């Protein structure tokens, strides 16, 4: 077999390297970004199907959850916000407890 460099150096196929239609899509752009409202579909039993045969009748052993992970990704901004919200809530609770403690000490 010819190496990739030999194929690209051939005049008939040289434009493949420059043509964006033939470039591989980056992983970040390949997956559809979904927000935190739909993150339950990755672990919920309602979305999980177990396949025993593929579309051609050959035996397989995989689930639909694998396909979900392959095509969908949680939005990074939403996952950061959800982590930030949980930290913010705990921070607010601590501040409220401290404020109540000072108020009780004054009275």
PDB file of N, CA and C in Angstrom:
ATOM      1  N   UNK A   1       0.830  -1.194   0.000  1.00  0.00           N
ATOM      2  CA  UNK A   1       0.000   0.000   0.000  1.00  0.00           C
ATOM      3  C   UNK A   1       0.865   1.245   0.000  1.00  0.00           C
ATOM      4  N   UNK A   2       0.377   2.290  -0.606  1.00  0.00           N
ATOM      5  CA  UNK A   2       1.094   3.561  -0.660  1.00  0.00           C
ATOM      6  C   UNK A   2       0.860   4.336   0.618  1.00  0.00           C
ATOM      7  N   UNK A   3       1.857   5.087   1.006  1.00  0.00           N
ATOM      8  CA  UNK A   3       1.686   5.909   2.201  1.00  0.00           C
ATOM      9  C   UNK A   3       0.848   7.138   1.858  1.00  0.00           C
ATOM     10  N   UNK A   4       0.390   7.810   2.878  1.00  0.00           N
ATOM     11  CA  UNK A   4      -0.459   8.998   2.711  1.00  0.00           C
ATOM     12  C   UNK A   4       0.291  10.094   1.967  1.00  0.00           C
ATOM     13  N   UNK A   5       1.591  10.229   2.225  1.00  0.00           N
ATOM     14  CA  UNK A   5       2.379  11.272   1.570  1.00  0.00           C
ATOM     15  C   UNK A   5       2.469  11.033   0.068  1.00  0.00           C
ATOM     16  N   UNK A   6       2.615   9.784  -0.319  1.00  0.00           N
ATOM     17  CA  UNK A   6       2.700   9.466  -1.737  1.00  0.00           C
ATOM     18  C   UNK A   6       1.392   9.777  -2.453  1.00  0.00           C
ATOM     19  N   UNK A   7       0.302   9.521  -1.794  1.00  0.00           N
ATOM     20  CA  UNK A   7      -1.008   9.790  -2.388  1.00  0.00           C
ATOM     21  C   UNK A   7      -1.204  11.294  -2.572  1.00  0.00           C
ATOM     22  N   UNK A   8      -0.822  12.079  -1.567  1.00  0.00           N
ATOM     23  CA  UNK A   8      -1.015  13.521  -1.648  1.00  0.00           C
ATOM     24  C   UNK A   8      -0.046  14.171  -2.631  1.00  0.00           C
ATOM     25  N   UNK A   9       1.095  13.551  -2.857  1.00  0.00           N
ATOM     26  CA  UNK A   9       2.044  14.119  -3.813  1.00  0.00           C
ATOM     27  C   UNK A   9       1.618  13.851  -5.261  1.00  0.00           C
ATOM     28  N   UNK A  10       0.752  12.893  -5.469  1.00  0.00           N
ATOM     29  CA  UNK A  10       0.240  12.611  -6.808  1.00  0.00           C
ATOM     30  C   UNK A  10      -0.628  13.791  -7.255  1.00  0.00           C
ATOM     31  N   UNK A  11      -0.437  14.247  -8.473  1.00  0.00           N
ATOM     32  CA  UNK A  11      -1.144  15.409  -8.989  1.00  0.00           C
ATOM     33  C   UNK A  11      -2.648  15.238  -9.014  1.00  0.00           C
ATOM     34  N   UNK A  12      -3.117  14.027  -9.192  1.00  0.00           N
ATOM     35  CA  UNK A  12      -4.564  13.795  -9.276  1.00  0.00           C
ATOM     36  C   UNK A  12      -5.255  14.005  -7.933  1.00  0.00           C
ATOM     37  N   UNK A  13      -4.517  13.778  -6.839  1.00  0.00           N
ATOM     38  CA  UNK A  13      -5.135  13.844  -5.514  1.00  0.00           C
ATOM     39  C   UNK A  13      -4.589  14.985  -4.669  1.00  0.00           C
ATOM     40  N   UNK A  14      -3.831  15.879  -5.223  1.00  0.00           N
ATOM     41  CA  UNK A  14      -3.183  16.929  -4.433  1.00  0.00           C
ATOM     42  C   UNK A  14      -4.185  17.907  -3.824  1.00  0.00           C
ATOM     43  N   UNK A  15      -5.309  18.117  -4.469  1.00  0.00           N
ATOM     44  CA  UNK A  15      -6.263  19.091  -3.929  1.00  0.00           C
ATOM     45  C   UNK A  15      -7.009  18.568  -2.697  1.00  0.00           C
ATOM     46  N   UNK A  16      -6.926  17.281  -2.421  1.00  0.00           N
ATOM     47  CA  UNK A  16      -7.607  16.727  -1.240  1.00  0.00           C
ATOM     48  C   UNK A  16      -7.066  17.353   0.028  1.00  0.00           C
ATOM     49  N   UNK A  17      -5.776  17.591   0.091  1.00  0.00           N
ATOM     50  CA  UNK A  17      -5.171  18.181   1.290  1.00  0.00           C
ATOM     51  C   UNK A  17      -5.626  19.614   1.504  1.00  0.00           C
ATOM     52  N   UNK A  18      -5.953  20.346   0.439  1.00  0.00           N
ATOM     53  CA  UNK A  18      -6.348  21.755   0.550  1.00  0.00           C
ATOM     54  C   UNK A  18      -7.858  21.954   0.621  1.00  0.00           C
ATOM     55  N   UNK A  19      -8.625  20.963   0.256  1.00  0.00           N
ATOM     56  CA  UNK A  19     -10.076  21.111   0.182  1.00  0.00           C
ATOM     57  C   UNK A  19     -10.711  20.843   1.551  1.00  0.00           C
ATOM     58  N   UNK A  20     -11.420  21.815   2.118  1.00  0.00           N
ATOM     59  CA  UNK A  20     -11.999  21.625   3.449  1.00  0.00           C
ATOM     60  C   UNK A  20     -13.083  20.545   3.511  1.00  0.00           C
ATOM     61  N   UNK A  21     -13.629  20.141   2.382  1.00  0.00           N
ATOM     62  CA  UNK A  21     -14.638  19.080   2.400  1.00  0.00           C
ATOM     63  C   UNK A  21     -14.060  17.752   2.865  1.00  0.00           C
ATOM     64  N   UNK A  22     -12.767  17.577   2.709  1.00  0.00           N
ATOM     65  CA  UNK A  22     -12.133  16.318   3.059  1.00  0.00           C
ATOM     66  C   UNK A  22     -11.398  16.363   4.387  1.00  0.00           C
ATOM     67  N   UNK A  23     -11.405  17.502   5.069  1.00  0.00           N
ATOM     68  CA  UNK A  23     -10.753  17.611   6.363  1.00  0.00           C
ATOM     69  C   UNK A  23     -11.583  16.861   7.398  1.00  0.00           C
ATOM     70  N   UNK A  24     -10.916  16.297   8.381  1.00  0.00           N
ATOM     71  CA  UNK A  24     -11.623  15.608   9.461  1.00  0.00           C
ATOM     72  C   UNK A  24     -12.195  16.647  10.416  1.00  0.00           C
ATOM     73  N   UNK A  25     -13.395  16.398  10.847  1.00  0.00           N
ATOM     74  CA  UNK A  25     -14.079  17.328  11.726  1.00  0.00           C
ATOM     75  C   UNK A  25     -13.524  17.192  13.150  1.00  0.00           C
ATOM     76  N   UNK A  26     -13.253  18.298  13.835  1.00  0.00           N
ATOM     77  CA  UNK A  26     -12.752  18.206  15.206  1.00  0.00           C
ATOM     78  C   UNK A  26     -13.796  17.612  16.149  1.00  0.00           C
ATOM     79  N   UNK A  27     -13.322  16.975  17.203  1.00  0.00           N
ATOM     80  CA  UNK A  27     -14.208  16.318  18.171  1.00  0.00           C
ATOM     81  C   UNK A  27     -15.176  17.320  18.806  1.00  0.00           C
ATOM     82  N   UNK A  28     -14.711  18.521  19.083  1.00  0.00           N
ATOM     83  CA  UNK A  28     -15.562  19.525  19.727  1.00  0.00           C
ATOM     84  C   UNK A  28     -16.728  19.939  18.841  1.00  0.00           C
ATOM     85  N   UNK A  29     -16.501  19.992  17.543  1.00  0.00           N
ATOM     86  CA  UNK A  29     -17.567  20.386  16.621  1.00  0.00           C
ATOM     87  C   UNK A  29     -18.424  19.206  16.195  1.00  0.00           C
ATOM     88  N   UNK A  30     -17.929  18.003  16.357  1.00  0.00           N
ATOM     89  CA  UNK A  30     -18.634  16.813  15.903  1.00  0.00           C
ATOM     90  C   UNK A  30     -19.854  16.519  16.770  1.00  0.00           C
ATOM     91  N   UNK A  31     -19.728  16.758  18.055  1.00  0.00           N
ATOM     92  CA  UNK A  31     -20.823  16.453  18.973  1.00  0.00           C
ATOM     93  C   UNK A  31     -21.752  17.644  19.125  1.00  0.00           C
ATOM     94  N   UNK A  32     -23.036  17.364  19.268  1.00  0.00           N
ATOM     95  CA  UNK A  32     -24.038  18.397  19.477  1.00  0.00           C
ATOM     96  C   UNK A  32     -24.025  18.768  20.951  1.00  0.00           C
ATOM     97  N   UNK A  33     -23.968  20.058  21.243  1.00  0.00           N
ATOM     98  CA  UNK A  33     -23.947  20.536  22.623  1.00  0.00           C
ATOM     99  C   UNK A  33     -25.375  20.614  23.149  1.00  0.00           C
ATOM    100  N   UNK A  34     -25.596  20.025  24.299  1.00  0.00           N
ATOM    101  CA  UNK A  34     -26.904  20.102  24.951  1.00  0.00           C
ATOM    102  C   UNK A  34     -26.704  20.696  26.333  1.00  0.00           C
ATOM    103  N   UNK A  35     -27.743  21.331  26.857  1.00  0.00           N
ATOM    104  CA  UNK A  35     -27.591  21.957  28.161  1.00  0.00           C
ATOM    105  C   UNK A  35     -27.972  21.004  29.285  1.00  0.00           C
ATOM    106  N   UNK A  36     -27.898  21.507  30.500  1.00  0.00           N
ATOM    107  CA  UNK A  36     -28.041  20.662  31.680  1.00  0.00           C
ATOM    108  C   UNK A  36     -29.441  20.081  31.844  1.00  0.00           C
ATOM    109  N   UNK A  37     -30.426  20.624  31.154  1.00  0.00           N
ATOM    110  CA  UNK A  37     -31.789  20.088  31.271  1.00  0.00           C
ATOM    111  C   UNK A  37     -31.886  18.669  30.724  1.00  0.00           C
ATOM    112  N   UNK A  38     -31.014  18.332  29.780  1.00  0.00           N
ATOM    113  CA  UNK A  38     -31.101  17.037  29.123  1.00  0.00           C
ATOM    114  C   UNK A  38     -30.019  16.059  29.574  1.00  0.00           C
ATOM    115  N   UNK A  39     -29.285  16.361  30.634  1.00  0.00           N
ATOM    116  CA  UNK A  39     -28.207  15.475  31.064  1.00  0.00           C
ATOM    117  C   UNK A  39     -28.725  14.161  31.623  1.00  0.00           C
ATOM    118  N   UNK A  40     -29.991  14.085  31.985  1.00  0.00           N
ATOM    119  CA  UNK A  40     -30.556  12.843  32.511  1.00  0.00           C
ATOM    120  C   UNK A  40     -30.610  11.752  31.455  1.00  0.00           C
ATOM    121  N   UNK A  41     -30.599  12.123  30.191  1.00  0.00           N
ATOM    122  CA  UNK A  41     -30.694  11.104  29.147  1.00  0.00           C
ATOM    123  C   UNK A  41     -29.448  10.231  29.079  1.00  0.00           C
ATOM    124  N   UNK A  42     -28.349  10.654  29.682  1.00  0.00           N
ATOM    125  CA  UNK A  42     -27.150   9.836  29.676  1.00  0.00           C
ATOM    126  C   UNK A  42     -27.222   8.685  30.673  1.00  0.00           C
ATOM    127  N   UNK A  43     -28.025   8.823  31.727  1.00  0.00           N
ATOM    128  CA  UNK A  43     -28.071   7.769  32.744  1.00  0.00           C
ATOM    129  C   UNK A  43     -29.479   7.280  33.083  1.00  0.00           C
ATOM    130  N   UNK A  44     -30.504   7.847  32.469  1.00  0.00           N
ATOM    131  CA  UNK A  44     -31.877   7.439  32.741  1.00  0.00           C
ATOM    132  C   UNK A  44     -32.208   6.136  32.008  1.00  0.00           C
ATOM    133  N   UNK A  45     -32.942   5.254  32.654  1.00  0.00           N
ATOM    134  CA  UNK A  45     -33.293   3.962  32.060  1.00  0.00           C
ATOM    135  C   UNK A  45     -34.262   4.104  30.886  1.00  0.00           C
ATOM    136  N   UNK A  46     -35.016   5.188  30.842  1.00  0.00           N
ATOM    137  CA  UNK A  46     -35.966   5.397  29.752  1.00  0.00           C
ATOM    138  C   UNK A  46     -35.262   5.571  28.408  1.00  0.00           C
ATOM    139  N   UNK A  47     -34.045   6.083  28.434  1.00  0.00           N
ATOM    140  CA  UNK A  47     -33.300   6.332  27.206  1.00  0.00           C
ATOM    141  C   UNK A  47     -32.361   5.190  26.849  1.00  0.00           C
ATOM    142  N   UNK A  48     -32.317   4.159  27.650  1.00  0.00           N
ATOM    143  CA  UNK A  48     -31.351   3.085  27.436  1.00  0.00           C
ATOM    144  C   UNK A  48     -32.031   1.871  26.817  1.00  0.00           C
ATOM    145  N   UNK A  49     -31.595   1.506  25.642  1.00  0.00           N
ATOM    146  CA  UNK A  49     -32.075   0.315  24.958  1.00  0.00           C
ATOM    147  C   UNK A  49     -30.894  -0.624  24.747  1.00  0.00           C
ATOM    148  N   UNK A  50     -31.118  -1.916  24.920  1.00  0.00           N
ATOM    149  CA  UNK A  50     -30.063  -2.893  24.698  1.00  0.00           C
ATOM    150  C   UNK A  50     -30.344  -3.608  23.391  1.00  0.00           C
ATOM    151  N   UNK A  51     -29.363  -3.544  22.491  1.00  0.00           N
ATOM    152  CA  UNK A  51     -29.505  -4.186  21.198  1.00  0.00           C
ATOM    153  C   UNK A  51     -28.829  -5.547  21.212  1.00  0.00           C
ATOM    154  N   UNK A  52     -29.466  -6.532  20.588  1.00  0.00           N
ATOM    155  CA  UNK A  52     -28.866  -7.863  20.492  1.00  0.00           C
ATOM    156  C   UNK A  52     -28.410  -8.168  19.080  1.00  0.00           C
ATOM    157  N   UNK A  53     -29.031  -7.528  18.080  1.00  0.00           N
ATOM    158  CA  UNK A  53     -28.620  -7.704  16.689  1.00  0.00           C
ATOM    159  C   UNK A  53     -28.544  -6.336  16.026  1.00  0.00           C
ATOM    160  N   UNK A  54     -27.654  -6.195  15.038  1.00  0.00           N
ATOM    161  CA  UNK A  54     -27.573  -4.941  14.311  1.00  0.00           C
ATOM    162  C   UNK A  54     -28.567  -4.940  13.158  1.00  0.00           C
ATOM    163  N   UNK A  55     -28.518  -3.927  12.319  1.00  0.00           N
ATOM    164  CA  UNK A  55     -29.512  -3.801  11.254  1.00  0.00           C
ATOM    165  C   UNK A  55     -29.379  -4.865  10.186  1.00  0.00           C
ATOM    166  N   UNK A  56     -28.267  -5.574  10.169  1.00  0.00           N
ATOM    167  CA  UNK A  56     -28.084  -6.658   9.203  1.00  0.00           C
ATOM    168  C   UNK A  56     -28.299  -8.039   9.821  1.00  0.00           C
ATOM    169  N   UNK A  57     -28.682  -8.087  11.094  1.00  0.00           N
ATOM    170  CA  UNK A  57     -28.989  -9.353  11.744  1.00  0.00           C
ATOM    171  C   UNK A  57     -27.812 -10.005  12.441  1.00  0.00           C
ATOM    172  N   UNK A  58     -26.657  -9.352  12.464  1.00  0.00           N
ATOM    173  CA  UNK A  58     -25.506  -9.905  13.155  1.00  0.00           C
ATOM    174  C   UNK A  58     -25.614  -9.638  14.645  1.00  0.00           C
ATOM    175  N   UNK A  59     -25.192 -10.582  15.476  1.00  0.00           N
ATOM    176  CA  UNK A  59     -25.295 -10.376  16.928  1.00  0.00           C
ATOM    177  C   UNK A  59     -24.323  -9.295  17.410  1.00  0.00           C
ATOM    178  N   UNK A  60     -24.834  -8.397  18.232  1.00  0.00           N
ATOM    179  CA  UNK A  60     -24.035  -7.329  18.834  1.00  0.00           C
ATOM    180  C   UNK A  60     -24.412  -7.216  20.297  1.00  0.00           C
ATOM    181  N   UNK A  61     -23.586  -6.528  21.047  1.00  0.00           N
ATOM    182  CA  UNK A  61     -23.865  -6.331  22.468  1.00  0.00           C
ATOM    183  C   UNK A  61     -23.509  -4.888  22.825  1.00  0.00           C
ATOM    184  N   UNK A  62     -24.399  -3.948  22.536  1.00  0.00           N
ATOM    185  CA  UNK A  62     -24.202  -2.569  22.931  1.00  0.00           C
ATOM    186  C   UNK A  62     -25.549  -1.930  23.226  1.00  0.00           C
ATOM    187  N   UNK A  63     -25.503  -0.752  23.836  1.00  0.00           N
ATOM    188  CA  UNK A  63     -26.720  -0.058  24.232  1.00  0.00           C
ATOM    189  C   UNK A  63     -26.813   1.279  23.504  1.00  0.00           C
ATOM    190  N   UNK A  64     -27.990   1.849  23.550  1.00  0.00           N
ATOM    191  CA  UNK A  64     -28.198   3.147  22.913  1.00  0.00           C
ATOM    192  C   UNK A  64     -27.498   4.261  23.684  1.00  0.00           C
ATOM    193  N   UNK A  65     -27.169   4.037  24.943  1.00  0.00           N
ATOM    194  CA  UNK A  65     -26.457   5.044  25.728  1.00  0.00           C
ATOM    195  C   UNK A  65     -25.079   5.326  25.130  1.00  0.00           C
ATOM    196  N   UNK A  66     -24.462   4.313  24.531  1.00  0.00           N
ATOM    197  CA  UNK A  66     -23.171   4.516  23.876  1.00  0.00           C
ATOM    198  C   UNK A  66     -23.316   5.468  22.693  1.00  0.00           C
ATOM    199  N   UNK A  67     -24.401   5.341  21.952  1.00  0.00           N
ATOM    200  CA  UNK A  67     -24.651   6.247  20.835  1.00  0.00           C
ATOM    201  C   UNK A  67     -24.896   7.671  21.328  1.00  0.00           C
ATOM    202  N   UNK A  68     -25.582   7.822  22.454  1.00  0.00           N
ATOM    203  CA  UNK A  68     -25.836   9.153  22.992  1.00  0.00           C
ATOM    204  C   UNK A  68     -24.523   9.832  23.351  1.00  0.00           C
ATOM    205  N   UNK A  69     -23.621   9.104  23.990  1.00  0.00           N
ATOM    206  CA  UNK A  69     -22.321   9.679  24.346  1.00  0.00           C
ATOM    207  C   UNK A  69     -21.493   9.997  23.101  1.00  0.00           C
ATOM    208  N   UNK A  70     -21.721   9.238  22.043  1.00  0.00           N
ATOM    209  CA  UNK A  70     -20.961   9.443  20.808  1.00  0.00           C
ATOM    210  C   UNK A  70     -21.388  10.720  20.087  1.00  0.00           C
ATOM    211  N   UNK A  71     -22.672  11.034  20.106  1.00  0.00           N
ATOM    212  CA  UNK A  71     -23.188  12.150  19.317  1.00  0.00           C
ATOM    213  C   UNK A  71     -23.494  13.414  20.122  1.00  0.00           C
ATOM    214  N   UNK A  72     -23.643  13.310  21.447  1.00  0.00           N
ATOM    215  CA  UNK A  72     -24.016  14.462  22.261  1.00  0.00           C
ATOM    216  C   UNK A  72     -22.972  14.712  23.340  1.00  0.00           C
ATOM    217  N   UNK A  73     -22.809  15.980  23.691  1.00  0.00           N
ATOM    218  CA  UNK A  73     -21.925  16.385  24.775  1.00  0.00           C
ATOM    219  C   UNK A  73     -22.616  17.480  25.564  1.00  0.00           C
ATOM    220  N   UNK A  74     -22.404  17.487  26.870  1.00  0.00           N
ATOM    221  CA  UNK A  74     -22.973  18.544  27.686  1.00  0.00           C
ATOM    222  C   UNK A  74     -22.252  19.845  27.385  1.00  0.00           C
ATOM    223  N   UNK A  75     -23.000  20.921  27.334  1.00  0.00           N
ATOM    224  CA  UNK A  75     -22.426  22.225  27.073  1.00  0.00           C
ATOM    225  C   UNK A  75     -21.494  22.596  28.211  1.00  0.00           C
ATOM    226  N   UNK A  76     -20.295  23.066  27.875  1.00  0.00           N
ATOM    227  CA  UNK A  76     -19.315  23.399  28.902  1.00  0.00           C
ATOM    228  C   UNK A  76     -19.767  24.584  29.733  1.00  0.00           C
ATOM    229  N   UNK A  77     -20.383  25.562  29.117  1.00  0.00           N
ATOM    230  CA  UNK A  77     -20.814  26.744  29.850  1.00  0.00           C
ATOM    231  C   UNK A  77     -21.901  26.377  30.862  1.00  0.00           C
ATOM    232  N   UNK A  78     -22.800  25.457  30.475  1.00  0.00           N
ATOM    233  CA  UNK A  78     -23.853  25.051  31.401  1.00  0.00           C
ATOM    234  C   UNK A  78     -23.295  24.212  32.530  1.00  0.00           C
ATOM    235  N   UNK A  79     -22.332  23.350  32.242  1.00  0.00           N
ATOM    236  CA  UNK A  79     -21.767  22.539  33.304  1.00  0.00           C
ATOM    237  C   UNK A  79     -20.978  23.424  34.267  1.00  0.00           C
ATOM    238  N   UNK A  80     -20.306  24.464  33.754  1.00  0.00           N
ATOM    239  CA  UNK A  80     -19.595  25.392  34.619  1.00  0.00           C
ATOM    240  C   UNK A  80     -20.576  26.189  35.470  1.00  0.00           C
ATOM    241  N   UNK A  81     -21.699  26.595  34.855  1.00  0.00           N
ATOM    242  CA  UNK A  81     -22.695  27.342  35.602  1.00  0.00           C
ATOM    243  C   UNK A  81     -23.317  26.502  36.700  1.00  0.00           C
ATOM    244  N   UNK A  82     -23.593  25.243  36.406  1.00  0.00           N
ATOM    245  CA  UNK A  82     -24.212  24.401  37.417  1.00  0.00           C
ATOM    246  C   UNK A  82     -23.259  24.172  38.575  1.00  0.00           C
ATOM    247  N   UNK A  83     -21.962  24.015  38.298  1.00  0.00           N
ATOM    248  CA  UNK A  83     -20.986  23.862  39.365  1.00  0.00           C
ATOM    249  C   UNK A  83     -20.860  25.165  40.145  1.00  0.00           C
ATOM    250  N   UNK A  84     -20.865  26.289  39.435  1.00  0.00           N
ATOM    251  CA  UNK A  84     -20.760  27.585  40.078  1.00  0.00           C
ATOM    252  C   UNK A  84     -21.980  27.883  40.932  1.00  0.00           C
ATOM    253  N   UNK A  85     -23.163  27.482  40.465  1.00  0.00           N
ATOM    254  CA  UNK A  85     -24.381  27.702  41.232  1.00  0.00           C
ATOM    255  C   UNK A  85     -24.350  26.917  42.531  1.00  0.00           C
ATOM    256  N   UNK A  86     -23.903  25.667  42.463  1.00  0.00           N
ATOM    257  CA  UNK A  86     -23.880  24.857  43.672  1.00  0.00           C
ATOM    258  C   UNK A  86     -22.869  25.425  44.664  1.00  0.00           C
ATOM    259  N   UNK A  87     -21.735  25.936  44.169  1.00  0.00           N
ATOM    260  CA  UNK A  87     -20.752  26.543  45.058  1.00  0.00           C
ATOM    261  C   UNK A  87     -21.291  27.857  45.618  1.00  0.00           C
ATOM    262  N   UNK A  88     -22.008  28.611  44.775  1.00  0.00           N
ATOM    263  CA  UNK A  88     -22.565  29.878  45.208  1.00  0.00           C
ATOM    264  C   UNK A  88     -23.623  29.689  46.270  1.00  0.00           C
ATOM    265  N   UNK A  89     -24.422  28.663  46.156  1.00  0.00           N
ATOM    266  CA  UNK A  89     -25.475  28.398  47.130  1.00  0.00           C
ATOM    267  C   UNK A  89     -24.855  28.028  48.461  1.00  0.00           C
ATOM    268  N   UNK A  90     -23.842  27.181  48.458  1.00  0.00           N
ATOM    269  CA  UNK A  90     -23.208  26.795  49.716  1.00  0.00           C
ATOM    270  C   UNK A  90     -22.517  27.999  50.332  1.00  0.00           C
ATOM    271  N   UNK A  91     -21.928  28.863  49.505  1.00  0.00           N
ATOM    272  CA  UNK A  91     -21.290  30.068  50.018  1.00  0.00           C
ATOM    273  C   UNK A  91     -22.308  30.998  50.651  1.00  0.00           C
ATOM    274  N   UNK A  92     -23.478  31.124  50.043  1.00  0.00           N
ATOM    275  CA  UNK A  92     -24.521  31.976  50.597  1.00  0.00           C
ATOM    276  C   UNK A  92     -25.033  31.424  51.910  1.00  0.00           C
ATOM    277  N   UNK A  93     -25.170  30.119  52.007  1.00  0.00           N
ATOM    278  CA  UNK A  93     -25.645  29.509  53.243  1.00  0.00           C
ATOM    279  C   UNK A  93     -24.667  29.776  54.379  1.00  0.00           C
ATOM    280  N   UNK A  94     -23.385  29.680  54.085  1.00  0.00           N
ATOM    281  CA  UNK A  94     -22.381  29.928  55.112  1.00  0.00           C
ATOM    282  C   UNK A  94     -22.446  31.377  55.565  1.00  0.00           C
ATOM    283  N   UNK A  95     -22.633  32.300  54.607  1.00  0.00           N
ATOM    284  CA  UNK A  95     -22.710  33.702  54.961  1.00  0.00           C
ATOM    285  C   UNK A  95     -23.927  33.976  55.824  1.00  0.00           C
ATOM    286  N   UNK A  96     -25.049  33.333  55.493  1.00  0.00           N
ATOM    287  CA  UNK A  96     -26.267  33.546  56.277  1.00  0.00           C
ATOM    288  C   UNK A  96     -26.090  33.031  57.700  1.00  0.00           C
ATOM    289  N   UNK A  97     -25.426  31.882  57.844  1.00  0.00           N
ATOM    290  CA  UNK A  97     -25.204  31.329  59.171  1.00  0.00           C
ATOM    291  C   UNK A  97     -24.330  32.249  59.989  1.00  0.00           C
ATOM    292  N   UNK A  98     -23.300  32.808  59.356  1.00  0.00           N
ATOM    293  CA  UNK A  98     -22.427  33.727  60.052  1.00  0.00           C
ATOM    294  C   UNK A  98     -23.187  34.977  60.447  1.00  0.00           C
ATOM    295  N   UNK A  99     -24.037  35.464  59.558  1.00  0.00           N
ATOM    296  CA  UNK A  99     -24.800  36.671  59.844  1.00  0.00           C
ATOM    297  C   UNK A  99     -25.767  36.426  60.992  1.00  0.00           C
ATOM    298  N   UNK A 100     -26.403  35.246  61.013  1.00  0.00           N
ATOM    299  CA  UNK A 100     -27.316  34.932  62.110  1.00  0.00           C
ATOM    300  C   UNK A 100     -26.557  34.804  63.416  1.00  0.00           C
ATOM    301  N   UNK A 101     -25.375  34.235  63.344  1.00  0.00           N
ATOM    302  CA  UNK A 101     -24.558  34.084  64.555  1.00  0.00           C
ATOM    303  C   UNK A 101     -24.194  35.434  65.136  1.00  0.00           C
ATOM    304  N   UNK A 102     -23.868  36.394  64.303  1.00  0.00           N
ATOM    305  CA  UNK A 102     -23.529  37.732  64.786  1.00  0.00           C
ATOM    306  C   UNK A 102     -24.756  38.428  65.347  1.00  0.00           C
ATOM    307  N   UNK A 103     -25.898  38.217  64.677  1.00  0.00           N
ATOM    308  CA  UNK A 103     -27.133  38.836  65.134  1.00  0.00           C
ATOM    309  C   UNK A 103     -27.564  38.314  66.494  1.00  0.00           C
ATOM    310  N   UNK A 104     -27.374  37.023  66.725  1.00  0.00           N
ATOM    311  CA  UNK A 104     -27.739  36.437  68.004  1.00  0.00           C
ATOM    312  C   UNK A 104     -26.809  36.907  69.095  1.00  0.00           C
ATOM    313  N   UNK A 105     -25.551  37.104  68.762  1.00  0.00           N
ATOM    314  CA  UNK A 105     -24.599  37.561  69.745  1.00  0.00           C
ATOM    315  C   UNK A 105     -24.910  39.007  70.180  1.00  0.00           C
ATOM    316  N   UNK A 106     -25.398  39.835  69.239  1.00  0.00           N
ATOM    317  CA  UNK A 106     -25.726  41.225  69.550  1.00  0.00           C
ATOM    318  C   UNK A 106     -26.952  41.326  70.436  1.00  0.00           C
ATOM    319  N   UNK A 107     -27.921  40.434  70.274  1.00  0.00           N
ATOM    320  CA  UNK A 107     -29.167  40.561  71.038  1.00  0.00           C
ATOM    321  C   UNK A 107     -29.089  39.832  72.331  1.00  0.00           C
TER     322      UNK A 107
END
